């Protein structure tokens, strides 16, 4: 049985209650804030501290650079920052905001919209526009927002989410009736249109082990092609799905895909070690030198114009139905 309110003893701060209480609050909040940025280091890379181990990629400056490159890559693919047909949103949520670059740009575009970005790592800028806010949060924990959102945006959460249907369900619950969601994500399984990425090659080995180990960790490495199904099952309507191949390199003949490929090559080479630094050493027992050698071989393959590897990107926009008015008696 829970104790009644009057069963909770009140601490006695003596004659200097105000200053003593202020000091105690400051001590606790400083300790909590420090624990969030008490980053863990492994193989020369820095990882998040809040809910340690739930996210397997680094959060250091090198990884932040890669995330910003990925932001540009998706913008080039989509042709714009988002595809949802929103006009004057009042509240927007960016799930897994990373460096916060998308939220900041969205807030600049809609200065009267309250934009919130959340992430496990507090790596976002400290000085931001007054309508943009960031918070450290686990998107897979129960959401407790007091108000719903006109627009919820989520991208690049591959190998980060354990329960996608639950995430989509929470997005549905916290979207205003008539509001929009947009999910944009990868299938990270390596493809080759001409089978030029050979089984057992460095690229194939890197990708296959990455997929296998993230699945064993309980996260989904290939959410992109499943997004529409999860979103449709939740009850969203007006669903619009688009798909783009992401060549790794400039080998594609199409001009648009060639530009996408240049950004994809850059973000891939920037992230090779970060993708597997934690997984390969803790799960496969590899030494750092083994990881470095494999990544060097992958880089060599990526420079070969005869090797044509690619991933796939999916973008799904959907609307939460308007609430039905009660029929008149």
C-alpha atoms as a PDB file:
ATOM      1  CA  UNK A   1       0.000   0.000   0.000  1.00  0.00           C
ATOM      2  CA  UNK A   2       1.365   3.423  -0.961  1.00  0.00           C
ATOM      3  CA  UNK A   3       1.996   5.790   1.959  1.00  0.00           C
ATOM      4  CA  UNK A   4      -0.382   8.681   2.483  1.00  0.00           C
ATOM      5  CA  UNK A   5       0.974  12.152   1.871  1.00  0.00           C
ATOM      6  CA  UNK A   6       1.217  12.857   5.572  1.00  0.00           C
ATOM      7  CA  UNK A   7       3.389   9.739   6.029  1.00  0.00           C
ATOM      8  CA  UNK A   8       6.324  11.384   4.232  1.00  0.00           C
ATOM      9  CA  UNK A   9       8.634  13.045   6.798  1.00  0.00           C
ATOM     10  CA  UNK A  10       9.890  16.524   5.896  1.00  0.00           C
ATOM     11  CA  UNK A  11      13.590  17.258   6.286  1.00  0.00           C
ATOM     12  CA  UNK A  12      14.601  20.007   8.720  1.00  0.00           C
ATOM     13  CA  UNK A  13      16.965  22.533   7.144  1.00  0.00           C
ATOM     14  CA  UNK A  14      17.275  24.632  10.299  1.00  0.00           C
ATOM     15  CA  UNK A  15      17.357  28.403  10.445  1.00  0.00           C
ATOM     16  CA  UNK A  16      18.987  28.790   7.032  1.00  0.00           C
ATOM     17  CA  UNK A  17      16.396  26.710   5.220  1.00  0.00           C
ATOM     18  CA  UNK A  18      16.382  28.714   1.980  1.00  0.00           C
ATOM     19  CA  UNK A  19      20.125  28.634   1.391  1.00  0.00           C
ATOM     20  CA  UNK A  20      20.479  25.041   2.590  1.00  0.00           C
ATOM     21  CA  UNK A  21      17.709  23.848   0.289  1.00  0.00           C
ATOM     22  CA  UNK A  22      19.125  25.790  -2.663  1.00  0.00           C
ATOM     23  CA  UNK A  23      22.514  24.203  -2.022  1.00  0.00           C
ATOM     24  CA  UNK A  24      21.053  20.710  -1.834  1.00  0.00           C
ATOM     25  CA  UNK A  25      19.038  21.144  -5.039  1.00  0.00           C
ATOM     26  CA  UNK A  26      22.125  22.446  -6.823  1.00  0.00           C
ATOM     27  CA  UNK A  27      24.143  19.466  -5.619  1.00  0.00           C
ATOM     28  CA  UNK A  28      21.605  16.923  -6.834  1.00  0.00           C
ATOM     29  CA  UNK A  29      21.005  18.574 -10.202  1.00  0.00           C
ATOM     30  CA  UNK A  30      24.736  18.947 -10.797  1.00  0.00           C
ATOM     31  CA  UNK A  31      25.223  15.263 -10.036  1.00  0.00           C
ATOM     32  CA  UNK A  32      22.409  14.213 -12.365  1.00  0.00           C
ATOM     33  CA  UNK A  33      23.633  16.461 -15.165  1.00  0.00           C
ATOM     34  CA  UNK A  34      27.161  15.114 -14.748  1.00  0.00           C
ATOM     35  CA  UNK A  35      25.944  11.522 -15.006  1.00  0.00           C
ATOM     36  CA  UNK A  36      24.359  12.262 -18.396  1.00  0.00           C
ATOM     37  CA  UNK A  37      27.657  13.527 -19.814  1.00  0.00           C
ATOM     38  CA  UNK A  38      29.819  10.945 -18.035  1.00  0.00           C
ATOM     39  CA  UNK A  39      30.530   9.440 -21.434  1.00  0.00           C
ATOM     40  CA  UNK A  40      32.001   5.983 -21.864  1.00  0.00           C
ATOM     41  CA  UNK A  41      35.013   5.414 -24.101  1.00  0.00           C
ATOM     42  CA  UNK A  42      35.801   2.297 -26.093  1.00  0.00           C
ATOM     43  CA  UNK A  43      38.383   1.697 -28.812  1.00  0.00           C
ATOM     44  CA  UNK A  44      39.170   5.395 -28.907  1.00  0.00           C
ATOM     45  CA  UNK A  45      35.526   6.368 -29.519  1.00  0.00           C
ATOM     46  CA  UNK A  46      33.068   8.068 -27.161  1.00  0.00           C
ATOM     47  CA  UNK A  47      29.636   6.606 -26.358  1.00  0.00           C
ATOM     48  CA  UNK A  48      26.531   7.900 -24.583  1.00  0.00           C
ATOM     49  CA  UNK A  49      26.128   7.596 -20.799  1.00  0.00           C
ATOM     50  CA  UNK A  50      22.353   7.894 -20.333  1.00  0.00           C
ATOM     51  CA  UNK A  51      20.933   4.345 -20.494  1.00  0.00           C
ATOM     52  CA  UNK A  52      24.408   3.099 -21.345  1.00  0.00           C
ATOM     53  CA  UNK A  53      24.609   0.408 -24.001  1.00  0.00           C
ATOM     54  CA  UNK A  54      21.147   0.848 -25.496  1.00  0.00           C
ATOM     55  CA  UNK A  55      22.639   2.667 -28.523  1.00  0.00           C
ATOM     56  CA  UNK A  56      25.680   1.056 -30.116  1.00  0.00           C
ATOM     57  CA  UNK A  57      27.100   3.931 -32.151  1.00  0.00           C
ATOM     58  CA  UNK A  58      29.467   6.647 -30.863  1.00  0.00           C
ATOM     59  CA  UNK A  59      28.411  10.213 -30.067  1.00  0.00           C
ATOM     60  CA  UNK A  60      31.802  11.925 -30.493  1.00  0.00           C
ATOM     61  CA  UNK A  61      32.620  14.721 -32.939  1.00  0.00           C
ATOM     62  CA  UNK A  62      33.526  12.309 -35.738  1.00  0.00           C
ATOM     63  CA  UNK A  63      30.123  10.645 -35.449  1.00  0.00           C
ATOM     64  CA  UNK A  64      28.381  14.021 -35.223  1.00  0.00           C
ATOM     65  CA  UNK A  65      30.049  14.982 -38.499  1.00  0.00           C
ATOM     66  CA  UNK A  66      28.740  11.762 -40.050  1.00  0.00           C
ATOM     67  CA  UNK A  67      25.215  12.478 -38.806  1.00  0.00           C
ATOM     68  CA  UNK A  68      25.307  15.916 -40.401  1.00  0.00           C
ATOM     69  CA  UNK A  69      26.512  14.339 -43.662  1.00  0.00           C
ATOM     70  CA  UNK A  70      23.620  11.873 -43.429  1.00  0.00           C
ATOM     71  CA  UNK A  71      21.264  14.812 -42.940  1.00  0.00           C
ATOM     72  CA  UNK A  72      22.529  16.354 -46.176  1.00  0.00           C
ATOM     73  CA  UNK A  73      22.331  13.001 -47.975  1.00  0.00           C
ATOM     74  CA  UNK A  74      18.655  12.565 -47.090  1.00  0.00           C
ATOM     75  CA  UNK A  75      17.899  16.153 -48.058  1.00  0.00           C
ATOM     76  CA  UNK A  76      19.493  15.545 -51.464  1.00  0.00           C
ATOM     77  CA  UNK A  77      17.475  12.346 -51.911  1.00  0.00           C
ATOM     78  CA  UNK A  78      14.153  13.902 -50.863  1.00  0.00           C
ATOM     79  CA  UNK A  79      14.853  17.204 -52.580  1.00  0.00           C
ATOM     80  CA  UNK A  80      13.847  19.049 -49.393  1.00  0.00           C
ATOM     81  CA  UNK A  81      14.044  18.587 -45.593  1.00  0.00           C
ATOM     82  CA  UNK A  82      10.677  16.771 -45.323  1.00  0.00           C
ATOM     83  CA  UNK A  83       7.772  15.713 -47.555  1.00  0.00           C
ATOM     84  CA  UNK A  84       4.779  16.050 -45.214  1.00  0.00           C
ATOM     85  CA  UNK A  85       2.265  18.659 -46.511  1.00  0.00           C
ATOM     86  CA  UNK A  86       2.306  20.752 -43.364  1.00  0.00           C
ATOM     87  CA  UNK A  87       1.539  24.473 -43.455  1.00  0.00           C
ATOM     88  CA  UNK A  88       1.560  26.254 -40.085  1.00  0.00           C
ATOM     89  CA  UNK A  89       2.484  23.742 -37.374  1.00  0.00           C
ATOM     90  CA  UNK A  90       2.357  24.916 -33.764  1.00  0.00           C
ATOM     91  CA  UNK A  91       4.214  21.994 -32.174  1.00  0.00           C
ATOM     92  CA  UNK A  92       6.718  19.601 -33.754  1.00  0.00           C
ATOM     93  CA  UNK A  93       8.788  16.710 -32.389  1.00  0.00           C
ATOM     94  CA  UNK A  94      12.046  15.393 -33.844  1.00  0.00           C
ATOM     95  CA  UNK A  95      12.647  11.861 -32.548  1.00  0.00           C
ATOM     96  CA  UNK A  96      16.315  10.942 -32.072  1.00  0.00           C
ATOM     97  CA  UNK A  97      17.432  14.422 -33.079  1.00  0.00           C
ATOM     98  CA  UNK A  98      21.185  13.660 -33.089  1.00  0.00           C
ATOM     99  CA  UNK A  99      23.075  16.918 -33.600  1.00  0.00           C
ATOM    100  CA  UNK A 100      19.747  18.762 -33.789  1.00  0.00           C
ATOM    101  CA  UNK A 101      20.407  20.065 -37.300  1.00  0.00           C
ATOM    102  CA  UNK A 102      16.976  19.098 -38.677  1.00  0.00           C
ATOM    103  CA  UNK A 103      15.125  20.580 -35.673  1.00  0.00           C
ATOM    104  CA  UNK A 104      17.098  23.819 -35.912  1.00  0.00           C
ATOM    105  CA  UNK A 105      16.384  24.211 -39.615  1.00  0.00           C
ATOM    106  CA  UNK A 106      12.701  23.381 -39.097  1.00  0.00           C
ATOM    107  CA  UNK A 107      12.470  25.897 -36.263  1.00  0.00           C
ATOM    108  CA  UNK A 108      14.044  28.540 -38.480  1.00  0.00           C
ATOM    109  CA  UNK A 109      11.510  27.801 -41.219  1.00  0.00           C
ATOM    110  CA  UNK A 110       8.586  27.976 -38.773  1.00  0.00           C
ATOM    111  CA  UNK A 111       9.522  30.573 -36.119  1.00  0.00           C
ATOM    112  CA  UNK A 112       6.077  30.365 -34.500  1.00  0.00           C
ATOM    113  CA  UNK A 113       6.319  26.583 -34.058  1.00  0.00           C
ATOM    114  CA  UNK A 114       7.559  25.084 -30.789  1.00  0.00           C
ATOM    115  CA  UNK A 115      10.115  22.479 -31.907  1.00  0.00           C
ATOM    116  CA  UNK A 116      11.350  19.777 -29.538  1.00  0.00           C
ATOM    117  CA  UNK A 117      14.198  17.393 -30.302  1.00  0.00           C
ATOM    118  CA  UNK A 118      15.112  14.454 -28.079  1.00  0.00           C
ATOM    119  CA  UNK A 119      18.108  12.128 -27.955  1.00  0.00           C
ATOM    120  CA  UNK A 120      20.086   9.911 -25.595  1.00  0.00           C
ATOM    121  CA  UNK A 121      23.084  12.217 -25.970  1.00  0.00           C
ATOM    122  CA  UNK A 122      23.136  15.964 -25.164  1.00  0.00           C
ATOM    123  CA  UNK A 123      25.351  16.846 -28.125  1.00  0.00           C
ATOM    124  CA  UNK A 124      23.097  19.548 -29.581  1.00  0.00           C
ATOM    125  CA  UNK A 125      24.119  23.236 -29.585  1.00  0.00           C
ATOM    126  CA  UNK A 126      23.540  25.105 -26.326  1.00  0.00           C
ATOM    127  CA  UNK A 127      22.604  28.369 -28.023  1.00  0.00           C
ATOM    128  CA  UNK A 128      19.439  27.842 -30.034  1.00  0.00           C
ATOM    129  CA  UNK A 129      16.481  29.918 -31.268  1.00  0.00           C
ATOM    130  CA  UNK A 130      13.803  30.532 -28.611  1.00  0.00           C
ATOM    131  CA  UNK A 131      11.332  28.204 -30.341  1.00  0.00           C
ATOM    132  CA  UNK A 132      13.703  25.192 -30.425  1.00  0.00           C
ATOM    133  CA  UNK A 133      14.344  22.999 -27.392  1.00  0.00           C
ATOM    134  CA  UNK A 134      16.340  19.832 -26.809  1.00  0.00           C
ATOM    135  CA  UNK A 135      16.030  17.204 -24.097  1.00  0.00           C
ATOM    136  CA  UNK A 136      17.801  13.999 -23.125  1.00  0.00           C
ATOM    137  CA  UNK A 137      15.261  11.209 -23.391  1.00  0.00           C
ATOM    138  CA  UNK A 138      14.783   7.603 -24.429  1.00  0.00           C
ATOM    139  CA  UNK A 139      12.209   7.496 -27.231  1.00  0.00           C
ATOM    140  CA  UNK A 140      11.355   3.888 -26.349  1.00  0.00           C
ATOM    141  CA  UNK A 141      10.321   4.836 -22.802  1.00  0.00           C
ATOM    142  CA  UNK A 142       6.680   5.871 -22.247  1.00  0.00           C
ATOM    143  CA  UNK A 143       6.046   9.357 -23.596  1.00  0.00           C
ATOM    144  CA  UNK A 144       4.706  11.853 -21.068  1.00  0.00           C
ATOM    145  CA  UNK A 145       4.195  15.024 -23.091  1.00  0.00           C
ATOM    146  CA  UNK A 146       1.446  17.300 -21.814  1.00  0.00           C
ATOM    147  CA  UNK A 147       0.454  18.392 -25.319  1.00  0.00           C
ATOM    148  CA  UNK A 148       0.234  16.622 -28.658  1.00  0.00           C
ATOM    149  CA  UNK A 149       2.113  17.569 -31.815  1.00  0.00           C
ATOM    150  CA  UNK A 150       1.061  18.766 -35.266  1.00  0.00           C
ATOM    151  CA  UNK A 151       4.076  17.045 -36.808  1.00  0.00           C
ATOM    152  CA  UNK A 152       6.314  14.207 -35.595  1.00  0.00           C
ATOM    153  CA  UNK A 153       9.512  13.555 -37.536  1.00  0.00           C
ATOM    154  CA  UNK A 154      11.801  10.518 -37.232  1.00  0.00           C
ATOM    155  CA  UNK A 155      14.769   9.527 -39.374  1.00  0.00           C
ATOM    156  CA  UNK A 156      17.887   7.321 -39.381  1.00  0.00           C
ATOM    157  CA  UNK A 157      16.943   5.164 -36.403  1.00  0.00           C
ATOM    158  CA  UNK A 158      18.141   1.913 -37.980  1.00  0.00           C
ATOM    159  CA  UNK A 159      19.760  -0.428 -35.438  1.00  0.00           C
ATOM    160  CA  UNK A 160      18.593   1.879 -32.636  1.00  0.00           C
ATOM    161  CA  UNK A 161      14.991   0.789 -31.946  1.00  0.00           C
ATOM    162  CA  UNK A 162      13.942  -2.490 -30.352  1.00  0.00           C
ATOM    163  CA  UNK A 163      10.164  -2.121 -30.617  1.00  0.00           C
ATOM    164  CA  UNK A 164       9.143  -0.241 -33.749  1.00  0.00           C
ATOM    165  CA  UNK A 165       5.382  -0.924 -33.468  1.00  0.00           C
ATOM    166  CA  UNK A 166       5.449   0.588 -29.957  1.00  0.00           C
ATOM    167  CA  UNK A 167       7.339   3.650 -31.227  1.00  0.00           C
ATOM    168  CA  UNK A 168       4.820   4.151 -34.035  1.00  0.00           C
ATOM    169  CA  UNK A 169       1.958   3.655 -31.549  1.00  0.00           C
ATOM    170  CA  UNK A 170       3.340   6.388 -29.294  1.00  0.00           C
ATOM    171  CA  UNK A 171       3.744   8.666 -32.296  1.00  0.00           C
ATOM    172  CA  UNK A 172       0.094   8.035 -33.182  1.00  0.00           C
ATOM    173  CA  UNK A 173      -1.069   8.746 -29.631  1.00  0.00           C
ATOM    174  CA  UNK A 174       0.817  12.041 -29.426  1.00  0.00           C
ATOM    175  CA  UNK A 175      -0.060  13.345 -32.890  1.00  0.00           C
ATOM    176  CA  UNK A 176      -3.003  15.742 -32.978  1.00  0.00           C
ATOM    177  CA  UNK A 177      -5.999  14.560 -35.022  1.00  0.00           C
ATOM    178  CA  UNK A 178      -5.301  15.741 -38.556  1.00  0.00           C
ATOM    179  CA  UNK A 179      -1.588  16.021 -37.801  1.00  0.00           C
ATOM    180  CA  UNK A 180       1.221  14.376 -39.746  1.00  0.00           C
ATOM    181  CA  UNK A 181       4.122  12.008 -39.104  1.00  0.00           C
ATOM    182  CA  UNK A 182       7.132  11.341 -41.284  1.00  0.00           C
ATOM    183  CA  UNK A 183       9.473   8.388 -40.900  1.00  0.00           C
ATOM    184  CA  UNK A 184      12.590   8.161 -43.053  1.00  0.00           C
ATOM    185  CA  UNK A 185      14.971   5.238 -42.687  1.00  0.00           C
ATOM    186  CA  UNK A 186      17.314   2.736 -44.270  1.00  0.00           C
ATOM    187  CA  UNK A 187      17.455  -0.909 -44.996  1.00  0.00           C
ATOM    188  CA  UNK A 188      21.135  -1.419 -44.197  1.00  0.00           C
ATOM    189  CA  UNK A 189      21.420  -4.790 -45.948  1.00  0.00           C
ATOM    190  CA  UNK A 190      24.068  -4.328 -48.634  1.00  0.00           C
ATOM    191  CA  UNK A 191      22.780  -4.741 -52.192  1.00  0.00           C
ATOM    192  CA  UNK A 192      24.548  -4.863 -55.547  1.00  0.00           C
ATOM    193  CA  UNK A 193      22.602  -4.518 -58.831  1.00  0.00           C
ATOM    194  CA  UNK A 194      25.216  -6.531 -60.740  1.00  0.00           C
ATOM    195  CA  UNK A 195      26.401  -8.791 -57.892  1.00  0.00           C
ATOM    196  CA  UNK A 196      29.797  -7.076 -57.943  1.00  0.00           C
ATOM    197  CA  UNK A 197      30.023  -7.139 -54.127  1.00  0.00           C
ATOM    198  CA  UNK A 198      31.264 -10.683 -53.704  1.00  0.00           C
ATOM    199  CA  UNK A 199      30.370 -12.914 -50.728  1.00  0.00           C
ATOM    200  CA  UNK A 200      33.257 -13.015 -48.287  1.00  0.00           C
ATOM    201  CA  UNK A 201      34.649  -9.680 -49.454  1.00  0.00           C
ATOM    202  CA  UNK A 202      35.490  -7.005 -46.909  1.00  0.00           C
ATOM    203  CA  UNK A 203      32.330  -5.027 -47.721  1.00  0.00           C
ATOM    204  CA  UNK A 204      30.135  -8.105 -47.428  1.00  0.00           C
ATOM    205  CA  UNK A 205      31.801  -9.214 -44.187  1.00  0.00           C
ATOM    206  CA  UNK A 206      31.490  -5.774 -42.578  1.00  0.00           C
ATOM    207  CA  UNK A 207      27.819  -5.478 -43.529  1.00  0.00           C
ATOM    208  CA  UNK A 208      26.767  -9.043 -42.696  1.00  0.00           C
ATOM    209  CA  UNK A 209      28.348  -8.967 -39.236  1.00  0.00           C
ATOM    210  CA  UNK A 210      26.857  -5.532 -38.551  1.00  0.00           C
ATOM    211  CA  UNK A 211      23.356  -6.771 -39.427  1.00  0.00           C
ATOM    212  CA  UNK A 212      23.725 -10.028 -37.512  1.00  0.00           C
ATOM    213  CA  UNK A 213      25.039  -8.391 -34.343  1.00  0.00           C
ATOM    214  CA  UNK A 214      22.477  -5.573 -34.277  1.00  0.00           C
ATOM    215  CA  UNK A 215      19.702  -8.146 -34.633  1.00  0.00           C
ATOM    216  CA  UNK A 216      21.200 -10.136 -31.763  1.00  0.00           C
ATOM    217  CA  UNK A 217      21.229  -6.906 -29.743  1.00  0.00           C
ATOM    218  CA  UNK A 218      17.483  -6.756 -30.343  1.00  0.00           C
ATOM    219  CA  UNK A 219      17.411  -3.766 -32.692  1.00  0.00           C
ATOM    220  CA  UNK A 220      16.223  -3.629 -36.295  1.00  0.00           C
ATOM    221  CA  UNK A 221      18.897  -2.975 -38.947  1.00  0.00           C
ATOM    222  CA  UNK A 222      16.405  -2.868 -41.818  1.00  0.00           C
ATOM    223  CA  UNK A 223      13.395  -0.776 -40.746  1.00  0.00           C
ATOM    224  CA  UNK A 224      12.977   1.200 -43.979  1.00  0.00           C
ATOM    225  CA  UNK A 225      10.919  -1.284 -45.993  1.00  0.00           C
ATOM    226  CA  UNK A 226       8.806  -2.150 -42.928  1.00  0.00           C
ATOM    227  CA  UNK A 227       7.816   1.408 -42.047  1.00  0.00           C
ATOM    228  CA  UNK A 228       4.673   1.536 -44.181  1.00  0.00           C
ATOM    229  CA  UNK A 229       3.340  -1.687 -42.666  1.00  0.00           C
ATOM    230  CA  UNK A 230       3.858  -0.506 -39.083  1.00  0.00           C
ATOM    231  CA  UNK A 231       2.316   2.874 -39.840  1.00  0.00           C
ATOM    232  CA  UNK A 232      -0.678   1.422 -41.672  1.00  0.00           C
ATOM    233  CA  UNK A 233      -1.333  -1.094 -38.895  1.00  0.00           C
ATOM    234  CA  UNK A 234      -1.479   1.712 -36.335  1.00  0.00           C
ATOM    235  CA  UNK A 235      -4.368   3.455 -38.105  1.00  0.00           C
ATOM    236  CA  UNK A 236      -2.693   6.334 -39.940  1.00  0.00           C
ATOM    237  CA  UNK A 237      -4.251   7.383 -43.245  1.00  0.00           C
ATOM    238  CA  UNK A 238      -3.167   9.281 -46.387  1.00  0.00           C
ATOM    239  CA  UNK A 239       0.020   7.199 -46.437  1.00  0.00           C
ATOM    240  CA  UNK A 240       2.625   8.214 -49.000  1.00  0.00           C
ATOM    241  CA  UNK A 241       5.728   6.072 -49.440  1.00  0.00           C
ATOM    242  CA  UNK A 242       8.813   6.819 -51.512  1.00  0.00           C
ATOM    243  CA  UNK A 243      11.981   4.826 -52.063  1.00  0.00           C
ATOM    244  CA  UNK A 244      15.478   5.690 -53.280  1.00  0.00           C
ATOM    245  CA  UNK A 245      18.509   3.486 -53.927  1.00  0.00           C
ATOM    246  CA  UNK A 246      21.613   4.839 -52.214  1.00  0.00           C
ATOM    247  CA  UNK A 247      24.682   3.963 -54.290  1.00  0.00           C
ATOM    248  CA  UNK A 248      27.890   4.021 -52.280  1.00  0.00           C
ATOM    249  CA  UNK A 249      30.013   6.078 -54.634  1.00  0.00           C
ATOM    250  CA  UNK A 250      29.479   7.883 -57.921  1.00  0.00           C
ATOM    251  CA  UNK A 251      29.184   4.797 -60.138  1.00  0.00           C
ATOM    252  CA  UNK A 252      25.462   5.274 -60.976  1.00  0.00           C
ATOM    253  CA  UNK A 253      24.722   6.750 -64.404  1.00  0.00           C
ATOM    254  CA  UNK A 254      21.754   8.871 -63.252  1.00  0.00           C
ATOM    255  CA  UNK A 255      22.855  12.397 -62.275  1.00  0.00           C
ATOM    256  CA  UNK A 256      20.682  12.535 -59.135  1.00  0.00           C
ATOM    257  CA  UNK A 257      21.871   9.116 -57.956  1.00  0.00           C
ATOM    258  CA  UNK A 258      25.452  10.155 -58.677  1.00  0.00           C
ATOM    259  CA  UNK A 259      25.052  13.112 -56.283  1.00  0.00           C
ATOM    260  CA  UNK A 260      23.374  10.900 -53.700  1.00  0.00           C
ATOM    261  CA  UNK A 261      26.215   8.409 -54.112  1.00  0.00           C
ATOM    262  CA  UNK A 262      28.862  11.023 -53.422  1.00  0.00           C
ATOM    263  CA  UNK A 263      27.240  11.874 -50.074  1.00  0.00           C
ATOM    264  CA  UNK A 264      26.652   8.195 -49.351  1.00  0.00           C
ATOM    265  CA  UNK A 265      30.316   7.416 -49.967  1.00  0.00           C
ATOM    266  CA  UNK A 266      31.336  10.218 -47.624  1.00  0.00           C
ATOM    267  CA  UNK A 267      29.039   9.193 -44.758  1.00  0.00           C
ATOM    268  CA  UNK A 268      29.963   5.508 -45.170  1.00  0.00           C
ATOM    269  CA  UNK A 269      33.712   6.026 -45.075  1.00  0.00           C
ATOM    270  CA  UNK A 270      33.304   8.477 -42.190  1.00  0.00           C
ATOM    271  CA  UNK A 271      31.349   5.908 -40.187  1.00  0.00           C
ATOM    272  CA  UNK A 272      32.970   2.555 -40.955  1.00  0.00           C
ATOM    273  CA  UNK A 273      34.748   2.162 -37.604  1.00  0.00           C
ATOM    274  CA  UNK A 274      31.938   3.803 -35.632  1.00  0.00           C
ATOM    275  CA  UNK A 275      29.353   1.370 -36.996  1.00  0.00           C
ATOM    276  CA  UNK A 276      31.236  -1.643 -35.654  1.00  0.00           C
ATOM    277  CA  UNK A 277      33.720  -0.441 -32.996  1.00  0.00           C
ATOM    278  CA  UNK A 278      31.566  -1.576 -30.094  1.00  0.00           C
ATOM    279  CA  UNK A 279      29.925  -4.597 -31.725  1.00  0.00           C
ATOM    280  CA  UNK A 280      32.933  -6.339 -33.240  1.00  0.00           C
ATOM    281  CA  UNK A 281      35.159  -6.009 -30.173  1.00  0.00           C
ATOM    282  CA  UNK A 282      32.561  -6.864 -27.514  1.00  0.00           C
ATOM    283  CA  UNK A 283      30.561  -9.484 -29.418  1.00  0.00           C
ATOM    284  CA  UNK A 284      33.073 -11.052 -31.780  1.00  0.00           C
ATOM    285  CA  UNK A 285      36.130 -10.596 -29.580  1.00  0.00           C
ATOM    286  CA  UNK A 286      38.074  -8.750 -32.261  1.00  0.00           C
ATOM    287  CA  UNK A 287      41.050  -6.582 -31.430  1.00  0.00           C
ATOM    288  CA  UNK A 288      41.124  -2.956 -32.536  1.00  0.00           C
ATOM    289  CA  UNK A 289      43.772  -3.790 -35.125  1.00  0.00           C
ATOM    290  CA  UNK A 290      41.469  -6.372 -36.745  1.00  0.00           C
ATOM    291  CA  UNK A 291      38.671  -3.825 -37.031  1.00  0.00           C
ATOM    292  CA  UNK A 292      41.056  -1.278 -38.522  1.00  0.00           C
ATOM    293  CA  UNK A 293      42.336  -3.765 -41.115  1.00  0.00           C
ATOM    294  CA  UNK A 294      38.818  -4.737 -42.193  1.00  0.00           C
ATOM    295  CA  UNK A 295      37.753  -1.097 -42.501  1.00  0.00           C
ATOM    296  CA  UNK A 296      40.852  -0.301 -44.553  1.00  0.00           C
ATOM    297  CA  UNK A 297      39.935  -3.123 -46.948  1.00  0.00           C
ATOM    298  CA  UNK A 298      36.366  -1.828 -47.192  1.00  0.00           C
ATOM    299  CA  UNK A 299      37.661   1.637 -48.066  1.00  0.00           C
ATOM    300  CA  UNK A 300      39.844   0.117 -50.762  1.00  0.00           C
ATOM    301  CA  UNK A 301      36.850  -1.712 -52.243  1.00  0.00           C
ATOM    302  CA  UNK A 302      34.687   1.421 -52.142  1.00  0.00           C
ATOM    303  CA  UNK A 303      37.245   3.170 -54.369  1.00  0.00           C
ATOM    304  CA  UNK A 304      37.001   0.408 -56.992  1.00  0.00           C
ATOM    305  CA  UNK A 305      34.715   1.590 -59.843  1.00  0.00           C
ATOM    306  CA  UNK A 306      33.921  -2.052 -60.629  1.00  0.00           C
ATOM    307  CA  UNK A 307      32.361  -2.640 -57.188  1.00  0.00           C
ATOM    308  CA  UNK A 308      28.778  -1.382 -56.994  1.00  0.00           C
ATOM    309  CA  UNK A 309      27.323  -1.503 -53.500  1.00  0.00           C
ATOM    310  CA  UNK A 310      24.162   0.254 -52.357  1.00  0.00           C
ATOM    311  CA  UNK A 311      21.594   0.483 -49.579  1.00  0.00           C
ATOM    312  CA  UNK A 312      17.952   1.547 -49.777  1.00  0.00           C
ATOM    313  CA  UNK A 313      16.161   4.565 -48.278  1.00  0.00           C
ATOM    314  CA  UNK A 314      12.426   4.747 -47.563  1.00  0.00           C
ATOM    315  CA  UNK A 315      10.320   7.763 -46.594  1.00  0.00           C
ATOM    316  CA  UNK A 316       6.766   7.386 -45.310  1.00  0.00           C
ATOM    317  CA  UNK A 317       4.409  10.299 -44.667  1.00  0.00           C
ATOM    318  CA  UNK A 318       1.044   9.698 -42.990  1.00  0.00           C
ATOM    319  CA  UNK A 319      -1.782  11.578 -41.311  1.00  0.00           C
ATOM    320  CA  UNK A 320      -3.698  10.844 -38.132  1.00  0.00           C
ATOM    321  CA  UNK A 321      -7.435  10.841 -38.940  1.00  0.00           C
ATOM    322  CA  UNK A 322      -9.581  13.714 -37.743  1.00  0.00           C
ATOM    323  CA  UNK A 323     -11.782  12.898 -34.776  1.00  0.00           C
ATOM    324  CA  UNK A 324     -15.282  11.953 -35.834  1.00  0.00           C
ATOM    325  CA  UNK A 325     -17.974  14.221 -34.489  1.00  0.00           C
ATOM    326  CA  UNK A 326     -20.695  12.538 -32.494  1.00  0.00           C
ATOM    327  CA  UNK A 327     -23.780  11.976 -34.565  1.00  0.00           C
ATOM    328  CA  UNK A 328     -26.745  14.062 -33.558  1.00  0.00           C
ATOM    329  CA  UNK A 329     -29.503  12.162 -31.910  1.00  0.00           C
END
